[in-house]
Each structure stands twice: as structure tokens, then as C-alpha cells.
């Protein structure tokens, strides 16, 4: 793929689903952000929202979905959130899906979506979202970061990692000094979306550079 084709690729949509029973601090800058949809799920007993949030939801109603459960029960909101994530994944399978919740019960769902080659993550709060105004800005612009990685992999053909886990460790230095495994995983997802790698059985990497 030509180098200029990387920057010309349209970015994938990002769908954010918020478990408001579990996470109450919402980064309002995400609502209405270009390339994002925002789904806020409230429990049956949650009857009040901050005025600033309501104004933001109304202002960007086209990209916002407000879901309030009519009845309560154990894991009721969790099941509803899983339904909306699944429905969005069916209509936009190449998108990135973000669940904002501290509830680790969502992790098996994330793992299942990833096994289906669907890009999904759970975040404990909005600071973990790289696009969030509450998060620190990355030290390297995303496109520059991707181009540096591609250049590096093209130069070092014999040293390319053969498995996803090894590639995550290999790419972490490109994500900055405070990079986590999640940051490296995101970079791998971007390589996949650009058609530069594919991940096969047993997470084997095939390069298309």
C-alpha cells in the first residue's frame, strides 16, 4: 500500500456506551465529537441528570442515544448495554466500541467481540479514552505515530514479531514513555484497519507492507 494511502484512509467510527450506574463523571467533550456516537444508559432509579449534560445531549441529539431502564434488577443495565453494543456492531462492524464502566463483568463480552475481529474495549473512566478531554494528549500525533511504525516494520523485515502479544510489546515504545498494553493494542488495531496486517489463527501476524 502506498505511504499516502495510510493518511487517506477514513478513520473508523467510535461508539461510546456509558454505564451511568457505575460511572457518574462524564466527559462532556465526547458528546458531539466528530466520528463519535454516544449512548448513555441509566438505571430505573436514576431520575436526575446535570443540566449541562442535558443541554449537551439535546444539542447533539443526532449522535446521542439516551436509554433509561423502566425496571430494575440484578445486571439489568449490563444486559441492556450488551444489547446496544451488539446491535451497533451488527450495523457498523468495522467501528471501534468503547464501554465506559468499572464493572469487569463486561470483560467476557469484550473478549468475545475481539474474537470476532470487532474492535472493542472497556474503560474504567473517561480518562482512559485517548480522545477524552480528561486524558493527557499523546506526545506523538496519531498519524505520525502510525507512519513511524510502518517505516520501522518495513526496514526491519527479519525482526518483525510473529504473534500479536509479541507485537504489542514491540510497538509499545512508539506509544510514548507512559504507554500501556492497551495503547499498543490500539496501534495494532489501526494497522489492521489500514490493511497493513492481518491476525489469523492463534494470533499469528501476516504483514502486508
N, C-alpha and C. Protein backbone atom coordinates (compact mmCIF):
# COMPACT_ATOMS: atom_id res chain seq x y z
N UNK A 1 0.85 -1.19 0.00
CA UNK A 1 0.00 0.00 0.00
C UNK A 1 0.88 1.24 0.00
N UNK A 2 0.65 2.26 -0.87
CA UNK A 2 1.46 3.46 -0.90
C UNK A 2 1.38 4.19 0.43
N UNK A 3 2.47 4.94 0.76
CA UNK A 3 2.51 5.65 2.03
C UNK A 3 1.36 6.64 2.17
N UNK A 4 1.04 7.36 1.06
CA UNK A 4 0.00 8.37 1.15
C UNK A 4 -1.38 7.77 1.33
N UNK A 5 -1.51 6.46 1.06
CA UNK A 5 -2.81 5.81 1.24
C UNK A 5 -3.17 5.68 2.69
N UNK A 6 -2.16 5.64 3.57
CA UNK A 6 -2.41 5.50 5.00
C UNK A 6 -3.17 6.71 5.52
N UNK A 7 -2.69 7.92 5.18
CA UNK A 7 -3.33 9.12 5.68
C UNK A 7 -4.67 9.38 5.04
N UNK A 8 -4.93 8.77 3.85
CA UNK A 8 -6.19 8.99 3.15
C UNK A 8 -7.30 8.07 3.63
N UNK A 9 -6.96 7.08 4.44
CA UNK A 9 -7.98 6.15 4.92
C UNK A 9 -8.92 6.87 5.88
N UNK A 10 -10.23 6.73 5.69
CA UNK A 10 -11.16 7.36 6.64
C UNK A 10 -11.07 6.70 8.00
N UNK A 11 -11.06 7.49 9.05
CA UNK A 11 -10.98 6.89 10.39
C UNK A 11 -12.26 6.13 10.72
N UNK A 12 -12.17 5.06 11.50
CA UNK A 12 -13.37 4.31 11.86
C UNK A 12 -14.23 5.11 12.83
N UNK A 13 -15.52 4.83 12.84
CA UNK A 13 -16.42 5.44 13.81
C UNK A 13 -16.11 4.89 15.20
N UNK A 14 -16.37 5.69 16.20
CA UNK A 14 -16.23 5.28 17.59
C UNK A 14 -17.58 5.36 18.27
N UNK A 15 -18.00 4.25 18.87
CA UNK A 15 -19.28 4.21 19.57
C UNK A 15 -19.01 4.04 21.07
N UNK A 16 -19.43 5.02 21.85
CA UNK A 16 -19.17 5.03 23.29
C UNK A 16 -20.46 4.70 24.04
N UNK A 17 -20.37 3.72 24.94
CA UNK A 17 -21.51 3.29 25.74
C UNK A 17 -21.17 3.48 27.22
N UNK A 18 -21.97 4.26 27.92
CA UNK A 18 -21.65 4.63 29.30
C UNK A 18 -22.60 3.95 30.28
N UNK A 19 -22.04 3.21 31.20
CA UNK A 19 -22.78 2.59 32.30
C UNK A 19 -22.90 3.64 33.40
N UNK A 20 -23.98 4.43 33.36
CA UNK A 20 -24.10 5.57 34.26
C UNK A 20 -24.40 5.14 35.69
N UNK A 21 -24.82 3.91 35.90
CA UNK A 21 -24.97 3.38 37.26
C UNK A 21 -23.60 3.22 37.92
N UNK A 22 -22.58 3.02 37.08
CA UNK A 22 -21.24 2.68 37.57
C UNK A 22 -20.27 3.85 37.47
N UNK A 23 -20.41 4.66 36.42
CA UNK A 23 -19.52 5.80 36.20
C UNK A 23 -20.38 7.06 36.11
N UNK A 24 -20.17 7.99 37.05
CA UNK A 24 -21.02 9.18 37.11
C UNK A 24 -20.35 10.43 36.54
N UNK A 25 -19.03 10.42 36.43
CA UNK A 25 -18.34 11.56 35.86
C UNK A 25 -18.19 11.36 34.36
N UNK A 26 -18.92 12.16 33.59
CA UNK A 26 -18.93 12.04 32.13
C UNK A 26 -18.16 13.19 31.51
N UNK A 27 -17.30 12.88 30.58
CA UNK A 27 -16.56 13.91 29.85
C UNK A 27 -17.48 14.45 28.75
N UNK A 28 -18.01 15.63 28.95
CA UNK A 28 -18.98 16.19 28.01
C UNK A 28 -18.36 16.52 26.66
N UNK A 29 -17.03 16.62 26.59
CA UNK A 29 -16.38 16.94 25.30
C UNK A 29 -16.55 15.82 24.29
N UNK A 30 -16.82 14.60 24.77
CA UNK A 30 -17.02 13.46 23.86
C UNK A 30 -18.34 13.59 23.12
N UNK A 31 -19.35 14.15 23.79
CA UNK A 31 -20.68 14.27 23.19
C UNK A 31 -20.64 15.25 22.03
N UNK A 32 -20.99 14.76 20.85
CA UNK A 32 -20.97 15.59 19.65
C UNK A 32 -19.65 15.63 18.92
N UNK A 33 -18.63 14.94 19.43
CA UNK A 33 -17.34 14.91 18.76
C UNK A 33 -17.46 14.22 17.40
N UNK A 34 -16.79 14.75 16.42
CA UNK A 34 -16.84 14.18 15.07
C UNK A 34 -16.34 12.74 15.07
N UNK A 35 -17.11 11.85 14.42
CA UNK A 35 -16.72 10.46 14.33
C UNK A 35 -17.12 9.63 15.54
N UNK A 36 -17.97 10.20 16.43
CA UNK A 36 -18.38 9.51 17.64
C UNK A 36 -19.90 9.47 17.78
N UNK A 37 -20.39 8.36 18.29
CA UNK A 37 -21.76 8.32 18.80
C UNK A 37 -21.66 8.08 20.30
N UNK A 38 -22.70 8.47 21.01
CA UNK A 38 -22.66 8.44 22.47
C UNK A 38 -23.98 7.86 22.99
N UNK A 39 -23.88 6.75 23.72
CA UNK A 39 -25.07 6.13 24.30
C UNK A 39 -24.92 6.13 25.82
N UNK A 40 -25.86 6.78 26.49
CA UNK A 40 -25.85 6.88 27.94
C UNK A 40 -26.97 6.00 28.49
N UNK A 41 -26.58 5.02 29.32
CA UNK A 41 -27.55 4.09 29.89
C UNK A 41 -27.73 4.37 31.38
N UNK A 42 -29.00 4.61 31.77
CA UNK A 42 -29.34 4.92 33.15
C UNK A 42 -30.20 3.82 33.74
N UNK A 43 -30.01 3.56 35.04
CA UNK A 43 -30.85 2.61 35.73
C UNK A 43 -32.23 3.19 36.01
N UNK A 44 -33.17 2.35 36.37
CA UNK A 44 -34.55 2.78 36.61
C UNK A 44 -34.65 3.81 37.74
N UNK A 45 -33.73 3.75 38.69
CA UNK A 45 -33.79 4.65 39.84
C UNK A 45 -33.02 5.95 39.63
N UNK A 46 -32.37 6.09 38.49
CA UNK A 46 -31.62 7.31 38.20
C UNK A 46 -32.55 8.30 37.50
N UNK A 47 -32.99 9.29 38.23
CA UNK A 47 -34.00 10.21 37.71
C UNK A 47 -33.49 11.63 37.50
N UNK A 48 -32.22 11.88 37.82
CA UNK A 48 -31.69 13.24 37.71
C UNK A 48 -30.40 13.25 36.91
N UNK A 49 -30.29 14.26 36.03
CA UNK A 49 -29.07 14.48 35.26
C UNK A 49 -28.65 15.93 35.42
N UNK A 50 -27.35 16.17 35.34
CA UNK A 50 -26.82 17.53 35.40
C UNK A 50 -27.35 18.35 34.23
N UNK A 51 -27.68 19.61 34.48
CA UNK A 51 -28.25 20.47 33.44
C UNK A 51 -27.31 20.61 32.26
N UNK A 52 -26.01 20.78 32.53
CA UNK A 52 -25.03 20.94 31.45
C UNK A 52 -25.00 19.70 30.55
N UNK A 53 -25.15 18.52 31.17
CA UNK A 53 -25.17 17.30 30.37
C UNK A 53 -26.43 17.22 29.52
N UNK A 54 -27.57 17.58 30.10
CA UNK A 54 -28.83 17.56 29.35
C UNK A 54 -28.76 18.50 28.15
N UNK A 55 -28.20 19.68 28.35
CA UNK A 55 -28.07 20.65 27.26
C UNK A 55 -27.18 20.09 26.15
N UNK A 56 -26.12 19.42 26.55
CA UNK A 56 -25.19 18.83 25.58
C UNK A 56 -25.88 17.70 24.81
N UNK A 57 -26.64 16.88 25.50
CA UNK A 57 -27.35 15.77 24.85
C UNK A 57 -28.36 16.28 23.84
N UNK A 58 -29.07 17.34 24.20
CA UNK A 58 -30.07 17.92 23.29
C UNK A 58 -29.38 18.55 22.09
N UNK A 59 -28.29 19.26 22.33
CA UNK A 59 -27.56 19.94 21.25
C UNK A 59 -27.07 18.97 20.19
N UNK A 60 -26.68 17.77 20.61
CA UNK A 60 -26.11 16.78 19.67
C UNK A 60 -26.98 15.54 19.60
N UNK A 61 -28.28 15.76 19.57
CA UNK A 61 -29.24 14.65 19.60
C UNK A 61 -29.04 13.64 18.47
N UNK A 62 -28.53 14.10 17.33
CA UNK A 62 -28.37 13.21 16.18
C UNK A 62 -27.36 12.10 16.43
N UNK A 63 -26.39 12.34 17.30
CA UNK A 63 -25.36 11.33 17.56
C UNK A 63 -25.43 10.77 18.98
N UNK A 64 -26.56 11.03 19.65
CA UNK A 64 -26.71 10.64 21.04
C UNK A 64 -27.92 9.73 21.22
N UNK A 65 -27.78 8.78 22.11
CA UNK A 65 -28.90 7.92 22.48
C UNK A 65 -28.96 7.84 24.01
N UNK A 66 -30.11 8.17 24.56
CA UNK A 66 -30.32 8.12 26.00
C UNK A 66 -31.25 6.96 26.31
N UNK A 67 -30.75 6.00 27.09
CA UNK A 67 -31.52 4.79 27.41
C UNK A 67 -31.72 4.73 28.92
N UNK A 68 -32.97 4.78 29.34
CA UNK A 68 -33.28 4.65 30.77
C UNK A 68 -34.16 3.42 30.96
N UNK A 69 -33.67 2.50 31.77
CA UNK A 69 -34.42 1.28 32.01
C UNK A 69 -35.69 1.57 32.81
N UNK A 70 -36.77 0.89 32.47
CA UNK A 70 -38.05 1.11 33.15
C UNK A 70 -38.19 0.24 34.40
N UNK A 71 -37.38 -0.78 34.52
CA UNK A 71 -37.43 -1.64 35.70
C UNK A 71 -36.02 -1.99 36.14
N UNK A 72 -35.87 -2.26 37.43
CA UNK A 72 -34.54 -2.57 37.97
C UNK A 72 -34.42 -4.06 38.23
N UNK A 73 -33.20 -4.50 38.39
CA UNK A 73 -32.93 -5.90 38.65
C UNK A 73 -31.44 -6.14 38.55
N UNK A 74 -30.99 -7.26 39.08
CA UNK A 74 -29.56 -7.57 39.06
C UNK A 74 -29.06 -7.65 37.62
N UNK A 75 -28.02 -6.86 37.32
CA UNK A 75 -27.38 -6.83 36.00
C UNK A 75 -28.32 -6.36 34.89
N UNK A 76 -29.43 -5.72 35.23
CA UNK A 76 -30.39 -5.28 34.21
C UNK A 76 -29.74 -4.32 33.21
N UNK A 77 -29.00 -3.34 33.74
CA UNK A 77 -28.36 -2.37 32.85
C UNK A 77 -27.26 -3.04 32.03
N UNK A 78 -26.55 -3.99 32.62
CA UNK A 78 -25.48 -4.68 31.90
C UNK A 78 -26.01 -5.40 30.67
N UNK A 79 -27.14 -6.07 30.83
CA UNK A 79 -27.73 -6.79 29.70
C UNK A 79 -28.20 -5.81 28.63
N UNK A 80 -28.78 -4.70 29.06
CA UNK A 80 -29.24 -3.70 28.10
C UNK A 80 -28.06 -3.11 27.32
N UNK A 81 -26.98 -2.80 28.04
CA UNK A 81 -25.80 -2.25 27.38
C UNK A 81 -25.24 -3.24 26.36
N UNK A 82 -25.16 -4.51 26.75
CA UNK A 82 -24.66 -5.54 25.83
C UNK A 82 -25.53 -5.61 24.57
N UNK A 83 -26.83 -5.44 24.74
CA UNK A 83 -27.74 -5.45 23.58
C UNK A 83 -27.42 -4.31 22.63
N UNK A 84 -27.25 -3.09 23.16
CA UNK A 84 -27.00 -1.94 22.30
C UNK A 84 -25.63 -2.03 21.63
N UNK A 85 -24.64 -2.56 22.34
CA UNK A 85 -23.33 -2.77 21.73
C UNK A 85 -23.44 -3.77 20.58
N UNK A 86 -24.13 -4.88 20.83
CA UNK A 86 -24.29 -5.89 19.79
C UNK A 86 -25.02 -5.37 18.58
N UNK A 87 -26.06 -4.58 18.80
CA UNK A 87 -26.82 -4.02 17.68
C UNK A 87 -25.96 -3.08 16.85
N UNK A 88 -25.15 -2.25 17.53
CA UNK A 88 -24.26 -1.34 16.81
C UNK A 88 -23.19 -2.10 16.05
N UNK A 89 -22.68 -3.19 16.64
CA UNK A 89 -21.65 -3.99 15.98
C UNK A 89 -22.19 -4.66 14.72
N UNK A 90 -23.45 -4.99 14.71
CA UNK A 90 -24.06 -5.60 13.52
C UNK A 90 -24.16 -4.59 12.38
N UNK A 91 -24.47 -3.34 12.70
CA UNK A 91 -24.65 -2.33 11.67
C UNK A 91 -23.34 -1.65 11.25
N UNK A 92 -22.34 -1.67 12.13
CA UNK A 92 -21.08 -0.99 11.83
C UNK A 92 -19.91 -1.84 12.35
N UNK A 93 -19.67 -3.01 11.74
CA UNK A 93 -18.69 -3.97 12.28
C UNK A 93 -17.24 -3.50 12.23
N UNK A 94 -16.92 -2.48 11.43
CA UNK A 94 -15.53 -2.01 11.34
C UNK A 94 -15.25 -0.87 12.32
N UNK A 95 -16.23 -0.50 13.12
CA UNK A 95 -16.07 0.61 14.06
C UNK A 95 -15.32 0.17 15.31
N UNK A 96 -15.05 1.13 16.19
CA UNK A 96 -14.44 0.84 17.50
C UNK A 96 -15.50 1.07 18.57
N UNK A 97 -15.59 0.14 19.50
CA UNK A 97 -16.63 0.19 20.52
C UNK A 97 -15.99 0.35 21.90
N UNK A 98 -16.49 1.34 22.64
CA UNK A 98 -15.92 1.67 23.94
C UNK A 98 -17.01 1.56 25.01
N UNK A 99 -16.80 0.72 26.00
CA UNK A 99 -17.70 0.62 27.14
C UNK A 99 -17.03 1.31 28.31
N UNK A 100 -17.67 2.35 28.84
CA UNK A 100 -17.12 3.08 29.98
C UNK A 100 -17.81 2.57 31.24
N UNK A 101 -17.11 1.74 31.99
CA UNK A 101 -17.66 1.14 33.20
C UNK A 101 -16.53 0.49 33.99
N UNK A 102 -16.63 0.55 35.30
CA UNK A 102 -15.65 -0.14 36.14
C UNK A 102 -16.04 -1.60 36.37
N UNK A 103 -17.15 -2.00 35.83
CA UNK A 103 -17.66 -3.36 36.02
C UNK A 103 -16.89 -4.33 35.13
N UNK A 104 -16.06 -5.17 35.74
CA UNK A 104 -15.26 -6.13 34.98
C UNK A 104 -16.11 -7.25 34.37
N UNK A 105 -17.40 -7.28 34.74
CA UNK A 105 -18.30 -8.26 34.14
C UNK A 105 -18.46 -8.09 32.65
N UNK A 106 -18.09 -6.91 32.14
CA UNK A 106 -18.16 -6.68 30.70
C UNK A 106 -16.97 -7.29 29.95
N UNK A 107 -15.93 -7.67 30.67
CA UNK A 107 -14.72 -8.15 30.01
C UNK A 107 -14.93 -9.40 29.15
N UNK A 108 -15.76 -10.39 29.58
CA UNK A 108 -16.02 -11.52 28.69
C UNK A 108 -16.69 -11.09 27.38
N UNK A 109 -17.55 -10.07 27.45
CA UNK A 109 -18.18 -9.56 26.23
C UNK A 109 -17.12 -8.94 25.32
N UNK A 110 -16.20 -8.15 25.91
CA UNK A 110 -15.12 -7.55 25.13
C UNK A 110 -14.28 -8.63 24.47
N UNK A 111 -13.94 -9.66 25.24
CA UNK A 111 -13.12 -10.75 24.71
C UNK A 111 -13.83 -11.46 23.55
N UNK A 112 -15.14 -11.66 23.70
CA UNK A 112 -15.90 -12.32 22.63
C UNK A 112 -15.93 -11.45 21.38
N UNK A 113 -16.15 -10.15 21.53
CA UNK A 113 -16.16 -9.26 20.37
C UNK A 113 -14.81 -9.26 19.66
N UNK A 114 -13.75 -9.24 20.45
CA UNK A 114 -12.41 -9.26 19.85
C UNK A 114 -12.15 -10.57 19.10
N UNK A 115 -12.70 -11.66 19.61
CA UNK A 115 -12.52 -12.95 18.93
C UNK A 115 -13.23 -12.96 17.58
N UNK A 116 -14.20 -12.04 17.43
CA UNK A 116 -14.94 -11.90 16.17
C UNK A 116 -14.35 -10.79 15.31
N UNK A 117 -13.13 -10.37 15.66
CA UNK A 117 -12.42 -9.31 14.94
C UNK A 117 -13.16 -7.97 15.01
N UNK A 118 -13.83 -7.73 16.12
CA UNK A 118 -14.50 -6.46 16.36
C UNK A 118 -13.68 -5.69 17.39
N UNK A 119 -13.37 -4.45 17.10
CA UNK A 119 -12.51 -3.64 17.96
C UNK A 119 -13.33 -3.10 19.13
N UNK A 120 -13.07 -3.62 20.31
CA UNK A 120 -13.84 -3.22 21.48
C UNK A 120 -12.95 -3.14 22.71
N UNK A 121 -13.30 -2.23 23.63
CA UNK A 121 -12.56 -2.06 24.87
C UNK A 121 -13.47 -1.61 25.99
N UNK A 122 -13.07 -1.92 27.19
CA UNK A 122 -13.73 -1.37 28.37
C UNK A 122 -12.78 -0.38 29.02
N UNK A 123 -13.32 0.75 29.46
CA UNK A 123 -12.52 1.78 30.14
C UNK A 123 -13.11 2.02 31.52
N UNK A 124 -12.29 2.08 32.53
CA UNK A 124 -12.77 2.32 33.90
C UNK A 124 -13.40 3.69 34.04
N UNK A 125 -12.89 4.65 33.28
CA UNK A 125 -13.46 6.00 33.31
C UNK A 125 -13.06 6.71 32.02
N UNK A 126 -13.47 7.95 31.88
CA UNK A 126 -13.23 8.67 30.63
C UNK A 126 -11.77 9.06 30.43
N UNK A 127 -10.98 9.09 31.50
CA UNK A 127 -9.57 9.44 31.33
C UNK A 127 -8.82 8.40 30.51
N UNK A 128 -9.37 7.18 30.45
CA UNK A 128 -8.72 6.12 29.69
C UNK A 128 -8.99 6.22 28.19
N UNK A 129 -9.97 7.03 27.82
CA UNK A 129 -10.25 7.23 26.40
C UNK A 129 -9.22 8.19 25.82
N UNK A 130 -8.46 7.79 24.79
CA UNK A 130 -7.41 8.66 24.26
C UNK A 130 -7.95 9.97 23.70
N UNK A 131 -9.24 9.99 23.29
CA UNK A 131 -9.83 11.18 22.70
C UNK A 131 -10.43 12.10 23.76
N UNK A 132 -10.45 11.67 25.01
CA UNK A 132 -11.13 12.41 26.06
C UNK A 132 -10.39 13.68 26.44
N UNK A 133 -11.14 14.71 26.73
CA UNK A 133 -10.55 15.94 27.21
C UNK A 133 -9.98 15.79 28.60
N UNK A 134 -10.37 14.73 29.31
CA UNK A 134 -9.84 14.47 30.65
C UNK A 134 -8.51 13.72 30.59
N UNK A 135 -8.18 13.18 29.41
CA UNK A 135 -6.95 12.42 29.27
C UNK A 135 -5.82 13.32 28.79
N UNK A 136 -4.60 12.91 29.08
CA UNK A 136 -3.45 13.66 28.59
C UNK A 136 -3.30 13.47 27.09
N UNK A 137 -2.96 14.55 26.40
CA UNK A 137 -2.76 14.45 24.95
C UNK A 137 -1.53 13.62 24.65
N UNK A 138 -1.58 12.80 23.58
CA UNK A 138 -0.43 11.97 23.24
C UNK A 138 0.75 12.82 22.81
N UNK A 139 1.94 12.35 23.10
CA UNK A 139 3.13 13.11 22.76
C UNK A 139 3.43 13.08 21.27
N UNK A 140 2.91 12.08 20.58
CA UNK A 140 3.13 11.95 19.14
C UNK A 140 1.77 11.94 18.45
N UNK A 141 1.56 12.80 17.42
CA UNK A 141 0.29 12.78 16.70
C UNK A 141 0.00 11.39 16.16
N UNK A 142 -1.27 10.94 16.17
CA UNK A 142 -1.61 9.57 15.77
C UNK A 142 -1.11 9.17 14.40
N UNK A 143 -1.27 10.05 13.39
CA UNK A 143 -0.85 9.68 12.05
C UNK A 143 0.67 9.57 11.94
N UNK A 144 1.38 10.48 12.63
CA UNK A 144 2.85 10.40 12.65
C UNK A 144 3.29 9.11 13.32
N UNK A 145 2.59 8.76 14.38
CA UNK A 145 2.90 7.53 15.11
C UNK A 145 2.75 6.31 14.21
N UNK A 146 1.63 6.25 13.48
CA UNK A 146 1.38 5.12 12.59
C UNK A 146 2.42 5.06 11.48
N UNK A 147 2.75 6.19 10.90
CA UNK A 147 3.74 6.22 9.81
C UNK A 147 5.11 5.78 10.30
N UNK A 148 5.46 6.16 11.53
CA UNK A 148 6.75 5.74 12.10
C UNK A 148 6.80 4.24 12.28
N UNK A 149 5.70 3.67 12.74
CA UNK A 149 5.63 2.22 12.94
C UNK A 149 5.76 1.49 11.61
N UNK A 150 5.03 1.97 10.60
CA UNK A 150 5.08 1.32 9.28
C UNK A 150 6.49 1.39 8.71
N UNK A 151 7.13 2.55 8.83
CA UNK A 151 8.51 2.71 8.33
C UNK A 151 9.45 1.75 9.05
N UNK A 152 9.28 1.64 10.36
CA UNK A 152 10.12 0.74 11.15
C UNK A 152 9.94 -0.71 10.72
N UNK A 153 8.70 -1.15 10.55
CA UNK A 153 8.43 -2.54 10.18
C UNK A 153 8.93 -2.85 8.78
N UNK A 154 8.88 -1.87 7.90
CA UNK A 154 9.37 -2.09 6.53
C UNK A 154 10.89 -2.22 6.50
N UNK A 155 11.56 -1.52 7.40
CA UNK A 155 13.02 -1.56 7.43
C UNK A 155 13.54 -2.83 8.10
N UNK A 156 12.79 -3.36 9.04
CA UNK A 156 13.26 -4.50 9.83
C UNK A 156 12.41 -5.73 9.54
N UNK A 157 12.52 -6.20 8.33
CA UNK A 157 11.67 -7.32 7.89
C UNK A 157 11.97 -8.62 8.64
N UNK A 158 13.22 -8.82 9.01
CA UNK A 158 13.58 -10.09 9.66
C UNK A 158 13.26 -10.08 11.16
N UNK A 159 13.02 -8.90 11.72
CA UNK A 159 12.79 -8.80 13.16
C UNK A 159 11.31 -8.57 13.50
N UNK A 160 10.44 -8.73 12.52
CA UNK A 160 9.03 -8.50 12.78
C UNK A 160 8.44 -9.59 13.68
N UNK A 161 7.74 -9.21 14.73
CA UNK A 161 7.11 -10.20 15.61
C UNK A 161 6.10 -11.05 14.86
N UNK A 162 5.99 -12.30 15.25
CA UNK A 162 5.11 -13.22 14.55
C UNK A 162 3.77 -13.41 15.23
N UNK A 163 3.66 -12.97 16.48
CA UNK A 163 2.41 -13.12 17.23
C UNK A 163 1.94 -11.76 17.76
N UNK A 164 0.63 -11.64 17.98
CA UNK A 164 0.05 -10.37 18.43
C UNK A 164 0.64 -9.90 19.74
N UNK A 165 0.79 -10.80 20.71
CA UNK A 165 1.30 -10.42 22.01
C UNK A 165 2.71 -9.87 21.91
N UNK A 166 3.52 -10.51 21.07
CA UNK A 166 4.91 -10.04 20.88
C UNK A 166 4.92 -8.69 20.17
N UNK A 167 4.00 -8.52 19.23
CA UNK A 167 3.92 -7.25 18.50
C UNK A 167 3.51 -6.11 19.43
N UNK A 168 2.62 -6.39 20.38
CA UNK A 168 2.23 -5.37 21.35
C UNK A 168 3.44 -4.86 22.13
N UNK A 169 4.27 -5.78 22.60
CA UNK A 169 5.47 -5.40 23.34
C UNK A 169 6.44 -4.64 22.44
N UNK A 170 6.53 -5.07 21.19
CA UNK A 170 7.44 -4.47 20.22
C UNK A 170 7.06 -3.02 19.90
N UNK A 171 5.73 -2.76 19.89
CA UNK A 171 5.26 -1.43 19.47
C UNK A 171 5.08 -0.45 20.62
N UNK A 172 5.14 -0.94 21.85
CA UNK A 172 4.87 -0.07 22.99
C UNK A 172 5.77 1.17 23.03
N UNK A 173 7.09 1.07 22.69
CA UNK A 173 7.93 2.27 22.70
C UNK A 173 7.45 3.37 21.76
N UNK A 174 6.71 3.01 20.71
CA UNK A 174 6.22 4.00 19.76
C UNK A 174 5.05 4.80 20.34
N UNK A 175 4.49 4.34 21.47
CA UNK A 175 3.30 4.98 22.05
C UNK A 175 3.64 5.96 23.16
N UNK A 176 4.91 6.15 23.46
CA UNK A 176 5.29 7.09 24.49
C UNK A 176 5.81 6.41 25.75
N UNK A 177 6.41 7.20 26.63
CA UNK A 177 7.06 6.66 27.83
C UNK A 177 6.08 6.03 28.80
N UNK A 178 4.85 6.56 28.84
CA UNK A 178 3.86 6.04 29.79
C UNK A 178 2.88 5.08 29.12
N UNK A 179 3.26 4.53 27.97
CA UNK A 179 2.35 3.68 27.21
C UNK A 179 2.00 2.41 27.98
N UNK A 180 0.79 1.94 27.75
CA UNK A 180 0.33 0.71 28.35
C UNK A 180 0.10 -0.33 27.26
N UNK A 181 -0.23 -1.54 27.68
CA UNK A 181 -0.54 -2.59 26.72
C UNK A 181 -1.75 -2.20 25.88
N UNK A 182 -2.67 -1.47 26.49
CA UNK A 182 -3.87 -1.01 25.78
C UNK A 182 -3.51 -0.06 24.64
N UNK A 183 -2.53 0.82 24.87
CA UNK A 183 -2.09 1.76 23.82
C UNK A 183 -1.49 1.00 22.64
N UNK A 184 -0.67 0.00 22.93
CA UNK A 184 -0.06 -0.79 21.87
C UNK A 184 -1.12 -1.60 21.12
N UNK A 185 -2.11 -2.09 21.84
CA UNK A 185 -3.20 -2.83 21.21
C UNK A 185 -3.98 -1.94 20.26
N UNK A 186 -4.18 -0.68 20.66
CA UNK A 186 -4.87 0.27 19.80
C UNK A 186 -4.10 0.51 18.51
N UNK A 187 -2.78 0.57 18.62
CA UNK A 187 -1.93 0.77 17.45
C UNK A 187 -2.04 -0.42 16.51
N UNK A 188 -2.11 -1.62 17.06
CA UNK A 188 -2.28 -2.82 16.24
C UNK A 188 -3.62 -2.78 15.52
N UNK A 189 -4.66 -2.31 16.20
CA UNK A 189 -5.97 -2.20 15.58
C UNK A 189 -5.93 -1.25 14.39
N UNK A 190 -5.19 -0.17 14.53
CA UNK A 190 -5.07 0.80 13.43
C UNK A 190 -4.31 0.20 12.26
N UNK A 191 -3.31 -0.61 12.53
CA UNK A 191 -2.60 -1.31 11.45
C UNK A 191 -3.55 -2.26 10.71
N UNK A 192 -4.41 -2.94 11.48
CA UNK A 192 -5.40 -3.83 10.87
C UNK A 192 -6.38 -3.05 10.00
N UNK A 193 -6.88 -1.95 10.53
CA UNK A 193 -7.86 -1.14 9.80
C UNK A 193 -7.28 -0.58 8.51
N UNK A 194 -5.98 -0.31 8.52
CA UNK A 194 -5.31 0.19 7.32
C UNK A 194 -4.96 -0.92 6.34
N UNK A 195 -5.24 -2.17 6.70
CA UNK A 195 -4.94 -3.29 5.82
C UNK A 195 -3.47 -3.64 5.76
N UNK A 196 -2.70 -3.19 6.78
CA UNK A 196 -1.26 -3.41 6.77
C UNK A 196 -0.86 -4.71 7.45
N UNK A 197 -1.75 -5.23 8.29
CA UNK A 197 -1.53 -6.54 8.89
C UNK A 197 -2.87 -7.26 8.99
N UNK A 198 -2.80 -8.58 9.07
CA UNK A 198 -3.97 -9.38 9.42
C UNK A 198 -3.55 -10.32 10.55
N UNK A 199 -4.53 -10.65 11.40
CA UNK A 199 -4.27 -11.55 12.52
C UNK A 199 -5.08 -12.82 12.30
N UNK A 200 -4.37 -13.93 12.19
CA UNK A 200 -5.01 -15.21 11.89
C UNK A 200 -5.15 -16.10 13.10
N UNK A 201 -5.16 -17.40 12.84
CA UNK A 201 -5.30 -18.38 13.91
C UNK A 201 -4.16 -18.26 14.91
N UNK A 202 -4.50 -18.45 16.19
CA UNK A 202 -3.52 -18.37 17.28
C UNK A 202 -2.79 -17.04 17.30
N UNK A 203 -3.49 -15.97 16.81
CA UNK A 203 -2.95 -14.59 16.81
C UNK A 203 -1.68 -14.44 15.99
N UNK A 204 -1.56 -15.27 14.95
CA UNK A 204 -0.40 -15.14 14.06
C UNK A 204 -0.55 -13.90 13.18
N UNK A 205 0.55 -13.15 13.05
CA UNK A 205 0.54 -11.91 12.28
C UNK A 205 1.02 -12.15 10.85
N UNK A 206 0.26 -11.61 9.88
CA UNK A 206 0.69 -11.58 8.49
C UNK A 206 0.82 -10.10 8.10
N UNK A 207 1.97 -9.74 7.54
CA UNK A 207 2.25 -8.35 7.18
C UNK A 207 1.96 -8.11 5.71
N UNK A 208 1.38 -6.93 5.42
CA UNK A 208 1.09 -6.52 4.04
C UNK A 208 1.73 -5.14 3.79
N UNK A 209 3.05 -5.14 3.94
CA UNK A 209 3.78 -3.88 3.85
C UNK A 209 4.58 -3.76 2.57
